[in-house]
Structures are given as structure tokens and as C-alpha cells.
C-alpha atoms as a PDB file:
ATOM      1  CA  UNK A   1     -34.011  26.786 -14.650  1.00  0.00           C
ATOM      2  CA  UNK A   2     -31.749  25.589 -17.469  1.00  0.00           C
ATOM      3  CA  UNK A   3     -28.039  26.104 -17.110  1.00  0.00           C
ATOM      4  CA  UNK A   4     -26.126  27.875 -19.787  1.00  0.00           C
ATOM      5  CA  UNK A   5     -23.073  26.467 -21.501  1.00  0.00           C
ATOM      6  CA  UNK A   6     -20.704  28.599 -19.439  1.00  0.00           C
ATOM      7  CA  UNK A   7     -22.056  27.180 -16.177  1.00  0.00           C
ATOM      8  CA  UNK A   8     -21.878  23.631 -17.507  1.00  0.00           C
ATOM      9  CA  UNK A   9     -18.310  24.179 -18.684  1.00  0.00           C
ATOM     10  CA  UNK A  10     -17.322  25.565 -15.291  1.00  0.00           C
ATOM     11  CA  UNK A  11     -18.878  22.573 -13.535  1.00  0.00           C
ATOM     12  CA  UNK A  12     -17.104  20.146 -15.862  1.00  0.00           C
ATOM     13  CA  UNK A  13     -13.777  21.901 -15.356  1.00  0.00           C
ATOM     14  CA  UNK A  14     -14.289  21.774 -11.586  1.00  0.00           C
ATOM     15  CA  UNK A  15     -15.104  18.080 -11.708  1.00  0.00           C
ATOM     16  CA  UNK A  16     -12.043  17.433 -13.865  1.00  0.00           C
ATOM     17  CA  UNK A  17      -9.812  19.336 -11.439  1.00  0.00           C
ATOM     18  CA  UNK A  18     -11.130  17.259  -8.524  1.00  0.00           C
ATOM     19  CA  UNK A  19     -10.629  14.046 -10.479  1.00  0.00           C
ATOM     20  CA  UNK A  20      -7.076  15.057 -11.411  1.00  0.00           C
ATOM     21  CA  UNK A  21      -6.288  15.741  -7.752  1.00  0.00           C
ATOM     22  CA  UNK A  22      -7.844  12.451  -6.670  1.00  0.00           C
ATOM     23  CA  UNK A  23      -5.917  10.551  -9.336  1.00  0.00           C
ATOM     24  CA  UNK A  24      -2.662  12.119  -8.161  1.00  0.00           C
ATOM     25  CA  UNK A  25      -3.455  11.218  -4.537  1.00  0.00           C
ATOM     26  CA  UNK A  26      -4.337   7.635  -5.453  1.00  0.00           C
ATOM     27  CA  UNK A  27      -1.185   7.337  -7.511  1.00  0.00           C
ATOM     28  CA  UNK A  28       0.864   8.512  -4.532  1.00  0.00           C
ATOM     29  CA  UNK A  29      -0.854   6.002  -2.230  1.00  0.00           C
ATOM     30  CA  UNK A  30      -0.211   3.228  -4.726  1.00  0.00           C
ATOM     31  CA  UNK A  31       3.467   4.207  -5.013  1.00  0.00           C
ATOM     32  CA  UNK A  32       3.896   4.202  -1.215  1.00  0.00           C
ATOM     33  CA  UNK A  33       2.100   0.867  -0.860  1.00  0.00           C
ATOM     34  CA  UNK A  34       4.228  -0.667  -3.590  1.00  0.00           C
ATOM     35  CA  UNK A  35       7.401   0.497  -1.826  1.00  0.00           C
ATOM     36  CA  UNK A  36       6.125  -0.972   1.440  1.00  0.00           C
ATOM     37  CA  UNK A  37       5.306  -4.291  -0.254  1.00  0.00           C
ATOM     38  CA  UNK A  38       8.799  -4.430  -1.741  1.00  0.00           C
ATOM     39  CA  UNK A  39      10.337  -3.714   1.678  1.00  0.00           C
ATOM     40  CA  UNK A  40       8.207  -6.435   3.274  1.00  0.00           C
ATOM     41  CA  UNK A  41       9.182  -8.915   0.564  1.00  0.00           C
ATOM     42  CA  UNK A  42      12.853  -8.163   1.245  1.00  0.00           C
ATOM     43  CA  UNK A  43      12.308  -8.567   4.987  1.00  0.00           C
ATOM     44  CA  UNK A  44      10.529 -11.882   4.420  1.00  0.00           C
ATOM     45  CA  UNK A  45      13.374 -13.123   2.226  1.00  0.00           C
ATOM     46  CA  UNK A  46      15.872 -12.216   4.967  1.00  0.00           C
ATOM     47  CA  UNK A  47      13.783 -14.024   7.583  1.00  0.00           C
ATOM     48  CA  UNK A  48      13.541 -17.082   5.352  1.00  0.00           C
ATOM     49  CA  UNK A  49      17.317 -17.018   4.865  1.00  0.00           C
ATOM     50  CA  UNK A  50      17.998 -16.703   8.591  1.00  0.00           C
ATOM     51  CA  UNK A  51      15.514 -19.494   9.299  1.00  0.00           C
ATOM     52  CA  UNK A  52      17.322 -21.740   6.812  1.00  0.00           C
ATOM     53  CA  UNK A  53      20.640 -20.985   8.533  1.00  0.00           C
ATOM     54  CA  UNK A  54      19.315 -21.747  12.026  1.00  0.00           C
ATOM     55  CA  UNK A  55      19.765 -25.244  13.430  1.00  0.00           C
ATOM     56  CA  UNK A  56      16.672 -27.355  13.053  1.00  0.00           C
ATOM     57  CA  UNK A  57      16.596 -28.935  16.507  1.00  0.00           C
ATOM     58  CA  UNK A  58      13.283 -29.551  18.252  1.00  0.00           C
ATOM     59  CA  UNK A  59      12.948 -28.030  21.694  1.00  0.00           C
ATOM     60  CA  UNK A  60      11.854 -30.857  23.985  1.00  0.00           C
ATOM     61  CA  UNK A  61      11.777 -28.735  27.111  1.00  0.00           C
ATOM     62  CA  UNK A  62       8.362 -28.090  28.638  1.00  0.00           C
ATOM     63  CA  UNK A  63       6.972 -24.591  28.362  1.00  0.00           C
ATOM     64  CA  UNK A  64       7.934 -22.216  31.204  1.00  0.00           C
ATOM     65  CA  UNK A  65       4.481 -22.347  32.843  1.00  0.00           C
ATOM     66  CA  UNK A  66       4.938 -26.028  33.844  1.00  0.00           C
END
């Protein structure tokens, strides 16, 4: 049974609405992931800085299980 133009238009509009919603959700996920990456980069930079400030002495003691 062939569909009429009104049915096709309704289906296309429905598909477009779903795609718009999905695009908005993906954009939000991307924004949150980007913020998390930036926070992790900052944390890594702080760890690198604190590692550079720490004394670089080898620990010659045996591990505690010996």
C-alpha cells in the first residue's frame, strides 16, 4: 500500500525530531567529556609539578614483605 505525501512528511519530521534530540544529547556528552579531559590535564600538570619538586632519592630499603 503506497504511502501518501502527508504520511511521508510526518515520518520525516519524526525522524528529524529524533535526530535533533540525539544530536543535542551527543553534544552534551561531548561537552562533559571535554570538561573532564581538561580537569584531568590540569590534575596531571599538578602531579608533574609536585613530582618535579620532590627529592629524587632512590629508596634502597627492602620492600615490607622481606
